[in-house]
N, C-alpha and C. Protein backbone atom coordinates (compact mmCIF):
# COMPACT_ATOMS: atom_id res chain seq x y z
N MET A 1 0.83 -1.18 0.00
CA MET A 1 0.00 0.00 0.00
C MET A 1 0.87 1.25 0.00
N GLU A 2 1.92 1.22 0.78
CA GLU A 2 2.81 2.38 0.85
C GLU A 2 3.48 2.62 -0.50
N HIS A 3 3.84 1.53 -1.18
CA HIS A 3 4.47 1.66 -2.50
C HIS A 3 3.50 2.33 -3.49
N LEU A 4 2.24 1.93 -3.47
CA LEU A 4 1.24 2.56 -4.34
C LEU A 4 1.08 4.04 -4.02
N ALA A 5 1.08 4.38 -2.75
CA ALA A 5 0.96 5.78 -2.35
C ALA A 5 2.16 6.57 -2.84
N ASP A 6 3.35 5.98 -2.73
CA ASP A 6 4.55 6.66 -3.23
C ASP A 6 4.48 6.88 -4.73
N LEU A 7 4.05 5.86 -5.47
CA LEU A 7 3.93 5.99 -6.92
C LEU A 7 2.92 7.06 -7.29
N SER A 8 1.87 7.18 -6.49
CA SER A 8 0.82 8.16 -6.76
C SER A 8 1.14 9.54 -6.19
N ARG A 9 2.25 9.62 -5.48
CA ARG A 9 2.65 10.87 -4.84
C ARG A 9 1.60 11.34 -3.83
N ILE A 10 1.07 10.37 -3.07
CA ILE A 10 0.06 10.66 -2.06
C ILE A 10 0.66 10.36 -0.69
N ALA A 11 0.62 11.33 0.19
CA ALA A 11 1.09 11.12 1.56
C ALA A 11 -0.06 10.55 2.39
N LEU A 12 0.16 9.37 2.96
CA LEU A 12 -0.88 8.73 3.76
C LEU A 12 -0.39 8.53 5.19
N THR A 13 -1.30 8.71 6.13
CA THR A 13 -0.98 8.42 7.53
C THR A 13 -1.09 6.90 7.74
N ASP A 14 -0.55 6.42 8.86
CA ASP A 14 -0.65 4.98 9.17
C ASP A 14 -2.10 4.54 9.26
N GLU A 15 -2.96 5.40 9.81
CA GLU A 15 -4.38 5.09 9.93
C GLU A 15 -5.02 4.95 8.55
N GLU A 16 -4.68 5.85 7.63
CA GLU A 16 -5.23 5.79 6.27
C GLU A 16 -4.76 4.54 5.55
N ILE A 17 -3.50 4.17 5.74
CA ILE A 17 -2.95 2.96 5.10
C ILE A 17 -3.70 1.74 5.59
N THR A 18 -3.93 1.65 6.90
CA THR A 18 -4.65 0.50 7.47
C THR A 18 -6.06 0.42 6.92
N ARG A 19 -6.75 1.58 6.89
CA ARG A 19 -8.13 1.61 6.37
C ARG A 19 -8.17 1.22 4.90
N MET A 20 -7.25 1.76 4.12
CA MET A 20 -7.26 1.48 2.68
C MET A 20 -6.88 0.03 2.37
N GLN A 21 -6.03 -0.57 3.19
CA GLN A 21 -5.70 -1.98 2.98
C GLN A 21 -6.96 -2.84 3.11
N GLY A 22 -7.78 -2.52 4.11
CA GLY A 22 -9.04 -3.25 4.26
C GLY A 22 -9.96 -3.03 3.09
N GLU A 23 -10.05 -1.78 2.60
CA GLU A 23 -10.90 -1.48 1.45
C GLU A 23 -10.41 -2.19 0.19
N LEU A 24 -9.09 -2.19 -0.01
CA LEU A 24 -8.54 -2.88 -1.19
C LEU A 24 -8.77 -4.39 -1.11
N ASN A 25 -8.72 -4.96 0.10
CA ASN A 25 -9.01 -6.39 0.26
C ASN A 25 -10.45 -6.70 -0.13
N VAL A 26 -11.39 -5.83 0.24
CA VAL A 26 -12.79 -6.02 -0.12
C VAL A 26 -12.94 -5.96 -1.65
N ILE A 27 -12.26 -5.01 -2.28
CA ILE A 27 -12.32 -4.89 -3.75
C ILE A 27 -11.72 -6.13 -4.41
N ALA A 28 -10.58 -6.59 -3.91
CA ALA A 28 -9.94 -7.78 -4.49
C ALA A 28 -10.83 -9.01 -4.32
N ASP A 29 -11.50 -9.13 -3.18
CA ASP A 29 -12.42 -10.26 -2.97
C ASP A 29 -13.59 -10.20 -3.96
N ALA A 30 -14.10 -9.00 -4.21
CA ALA A 30 -15.21 -8.85 -5.17
C ALA A 30 -14.75 -9.24 -6.58
N ILE A 31 -13.54 -8.86 -6.94
CA ILE A 31 -13.01 -9.23 -8.26
C ILE A 31 -12.87 -10.75 -8.36
N ASP A 32 -12.40 -11.38 -7.29
CA ASP A 32 -12.28 -12.85 -7.29
C ASP A 32 -13.64 -13.51 -7.50
N GLU A 33 -14.68 -12.98 -6.86
CA GLU A 33 -16.03 -13.55 -7.02
C GLU A 33 -16.50 -13.43 -8.46
N VAL A 34 -16.27 -12.29 -9.09
CA VAL A 34 -16.68 -12.09 -10.48
C VAL A 34 -15.92 -13.05 -11.39
N GLN A 35 -14.63 -13.24 -11.13
CA GLN A 35 -13.84 -14.15 -11.97
C GLN A 35 -14.30 -15.59 -11.84
N LYS A 36 -14.84 -15.96 -10.68
CA LYS A 36 -15.36 -17.32 -10.51
C LYS A 36 -16.59 -17.54 -11.40
N VAL A 37 -17.40 -16.51 -11.57
CA VAL A 37 -18.63 -16.62 -12.34
C VAL A 37 -18.35 -16.53 -13.84
N ALA A 38 -17.40 -15.70 -14.25
CA ALA A 38 -17.12 -15.50 -15.67
C ALA A 38 -16.60 -16.80 -16.27
N THR A 39 -17.24 -17.23 -17.36
CA THR A 39 -16.83 -18.45 -18.04
C THR A 39 -16.62 -18.17 -19.51
N ASP A 40 -15.99 -19.11 -20.21
CA ASP A 40 -15.69 -18.92 -21.63
C ASP A 40 -16.95 -18.89 -22.49
N ASP A 41 -18.06 -19.51 -22.04
CA ASP A 41 -19.27 -19.54 -22.85
C ASP A 41 -20.13 -18.29 -22.70
N VAL A 42 -19.71 -17.32 -21.89
CA VAL A 42 -20.44 -16.07 -21.72
C VAL A 42 -19.68 -14.98 -22.47
N GLN A 43 -20.36 -14.37 -23.44
CA GLN A 43 -19.73 -13.30 -24.21
C GLN A 43 -19.59 -12.04 -23.36
N PRO A 44 -18.45 -11.37 -23.44
CA PRO A 44 -18.29 -10.13 -22.68
C PRO A 44 -19.19 -9.03 -23.23
N THR A 45 -19.73 -8.21 -22.34
CA THR A 45 -20.58 -7.11 -22.77
C THR A 45 -20.17 -5.84 -22.03
N ALA A 46 -20.28 -4.72 -22.71
CA ALA A 46 -20.01 -3.44 -22.07
C ALA A 46 -21.26 -2.96 -21.35
N ASN A 47 -22.42 -3.34 -21.88
CA ASN A 47 -23.68 -2.94 -21.28
C ASN A 47 -24.69 -4.06 -21.54
N PRO A 48 -25.38 -4.54 -20.53
CA PRO A 48 -26.32 -5.65 -20.74
C PRO A 48 -27.52 -5.28 -21.60
N ILE A 49 -27.79 -3.98 -21.73
CA ILE A 49 -28.92 -3.52 -22.54
C ILE A 49 -28.35 -2.88 -23.80
N PRO A 50 -28.72 -3.36 -24.99
CA PRO A 50 -28.18 -2.75 -26.21
C PRO A 50 -28.55 -1.27 -26.30
N LEU A 51 -27.58 -0.46 -26.58
CA LEU A 51 -27.81 0.97 -26.68
C LEU A 51 -27.56 1.44 -28.10
N GLU A 52 -28.34 2.40 -28.54
CA GLU A 52 -28.15 3.01 -29.84
C GLU A 52 -27.99 4.50 -29.65
N ALA A 53 -27.14 5.09 -30.45
CA ALA A 53 -26.98 6.53 -30.39
C ALA A 53 -28.07 7.16 -31.25
N TYR A 54 -28.88 7.96 -30.63
CA TYR A 54 -29.95 8.64 -31.36
C TYR A 54 -29.46 10.04 -31.71
N LEU A 55 -28.93 10.16 -32.91
CA LEU A 55 -28.39 11.43 -33.36
C LEU A 55 -29.22 11.99 -34.50
N ARG A 56 -29.28 13.30 -34.56
CA ARG A 56 -29.98 13.93 -35.67
C ARG A 56 -29.13 13.79 -36.92
N PRO A 57 -29.73 13.89 -38.08
CA PRO A 57 -28.94 13.83 -39.31
C PRO A 57 -27.94 14.99 -39.36
N ASP A 58 -26.78 14.73 -39.89
CA ASP A 58 -25.74 15.75 -40.00
C ASP A 58 -26.00 16.56 -41.27
N VAL A 59 -26.61 17.72 -41.07
CA VAL A 59 -26.98 18.57 -42.20
C VAL A 59 -26.15 19.85 -42.11
N PRO A 60 -25.39 20.18 -43.15
CA PRO A 60 -24.59 21.41 -43.10
C PRO A 60 -25.48 22.65 -43.05
N GLU A 61 -25.09 23.60 -42.23
CA GLU A 61 -25.82 24.84 -42.12
C GLU A 61 -24.83 26.00 -42.25
N LYS A 62 -25.37 27.17 -42.52
CA LYS A 62 -24.54 28.36 -42.66
C LYS A 62 -23.98 28.72 -41.28
N PRO A 63 -22.65 28.87 -41.14
CA PRO A 63 -22.08 29.21 -39.84
C PRO A 63 -22.35 30.67 -39.48
N LEU A 64 -22.17 30.99 -38.20
CA LEU A 64 -22.32 32.37 -37.75
C LEU A 64 -21.19 33.22 -38.32
N THR A 65 -21.50 34.46 -38.58
CA THR A 65 -20.43 35.40 -38.94
C THR A 65 -19.69 35.77 -37.66
N GLN A 66 -18.53 36.38 -37.80
CA GLN A 66 -17.77 36.78 -36.62
C GLN A 66 -18.58 37.77 -35.78
N GLU A 67 -19.27 38.68 -36.44
CA GLU A 67 -20.07 39.66 -35.71
C GLU A 67 -21.20 38.99 -34.94
N GLU A 68 -21.86 38.00 -35.57
CA GLU A 68 -22.94 37.29 -34.89
C GLU A 68 -22.42 36.52 -33.68
N ALA A 69 -21.27 35.89 -33.83
CA ALA A 69 -20.70 35.12 -32.73
C ALA A 69 -20.30 36.04 -31.58
N LEU A 70 -19.70 37.17 -31.90
CA LEU A 70 -19.26 38.10 -30.87
C LEU A 70 -20.41 38.82 -30.19
N ALA A 71 -21.56 38.85 -30.83
CA ALA A 71 -22.72 39.55 -30.26
C ALA A 71 -23.14 38.94 -28.93
N GLY A 72 -22.81 37.68 -28.68
CA GLY A 72 -23.19 37.02 -27.42
C GLY A 72 -22.26 37.31 -26.27
N GLY A 73 -21.13 37.94 -26.53
CA GLY A 73 -20.17 38.22 -25.47
C GLY A 73 -20.38 39.59 -24.87
N PRO A 74 -20.11 39.75 -23.56
CA PRO A 74 -20.33 41.04 -22.92
C PRO A 74 -19.31 42.10 -23.34
N VAL A 75 -18.06 41.69 -23.59
CA VAL A 75 -17.02 42.65 -23.97
C VAL A 75 -16.20 42.05 -25.11
N THR A 76 -16.02 42.84 -26.18
CA THR A 76 -15.21 42.40 -27.30
C THR A 76 -14.22 43.50 -27.65
N ASP A 77 -13.13 43.10 -28.31
CA ASP A 77 -12.12 44.07 -28.74
C ASP A 77 -11.39 43.49 -29.93
N GLN A 78 -11.34 44.21 -31.02
CA GLN A 78 -10.63 43.83 -32.23
C GLN A 78 -11.04 42.43 -32.71
N GLY A 79 -12.33 42.15 -32.69
CA GLY A 79 -12.83 40.88 -33.20
C GLY A 79 -12.63 39.69 -32.28
N MET A 80 -12.38 39.92 -31.00
CA MET A 80 -12.17 38.82 -30.04
C MET A 80 -12.96 39.10 -28.77
N PHE A 81 -13.27 38.01 -28.01
CA PHE A 81 -13.88 38.16 -26.70
C PHE A 81 -12.82 38.68 -25.74
N VAL A 82 -13.22 39.50 -24.79
CA VAL A 82 -12.32 39.98 -23.75
C VAL A 82 -12.75 39.29 -22.45
N ALA A 83 -11.77 38.65 -21.81
CA ALA A 83 -12.04 37.94 -20.56
C ALA A 83 -11.05 38.43 -19.51
N PRO A 84 -11.41 38.33 -18.23
CA PRO A 84 -10.48 38.76 -17.18
C PRO A 84 -9.24 37.89 -17.16
N GLN A 85 -8.11 38.47 -16.86
CA GLN A 85 -6.85 37.72 -16.74
C GLN A 85 -6.90 36.88 -15.48
N ILE A 86 -6.52 35.59 -15.59
CA ILE A 86 -6.61 34.71 -14.43
C ILE A 86 -5.27 34.12 -14.04
N LEU A 87 -4.25 34.21 -14.87
CA LEU A 87 -2.99 33.55 -14.58
C LEU A 87 -1.86 34.52 -14.22
N GLY A 88 -2.16 35.73 -13.91
CA GLY A 88 -1.11 36.69 -13.58
C GLY A 88 -0.60 37.38 -14.82
N GLU A 89 0.68 37.69 -14.82
CA GLU A 89 1.26 38.47 -15.94
C GLU A 89 1.34 37.65 -17.21
C-alpha cells in the first residue's frame, strides 16, 4: 500500500494505510467472485442492454459570422472576446 501511495505521490498516515488496505481487500475479494462466475461460454458485454446513439442527421448549415458570434459576449475588442486575466502576468 505504501508503494502505491509513493507511486501516486500521495502522503498517507498509518491510519489511512490500514483503512485502505481493508478497502482494497474487499475490492480484491469482489473481483475474485466475479472471476469465478465468468466463463468462456459467456460473451463479454459493455452494457447488458443494447444501446443506440440517437443522433440527428448531419446537415450542413450556414455558420455564424464573426459579428454574430461576438454579439453574445459582454465585452469584445478587435474581433475577439475579452475575458479577465486569471494567470497573472
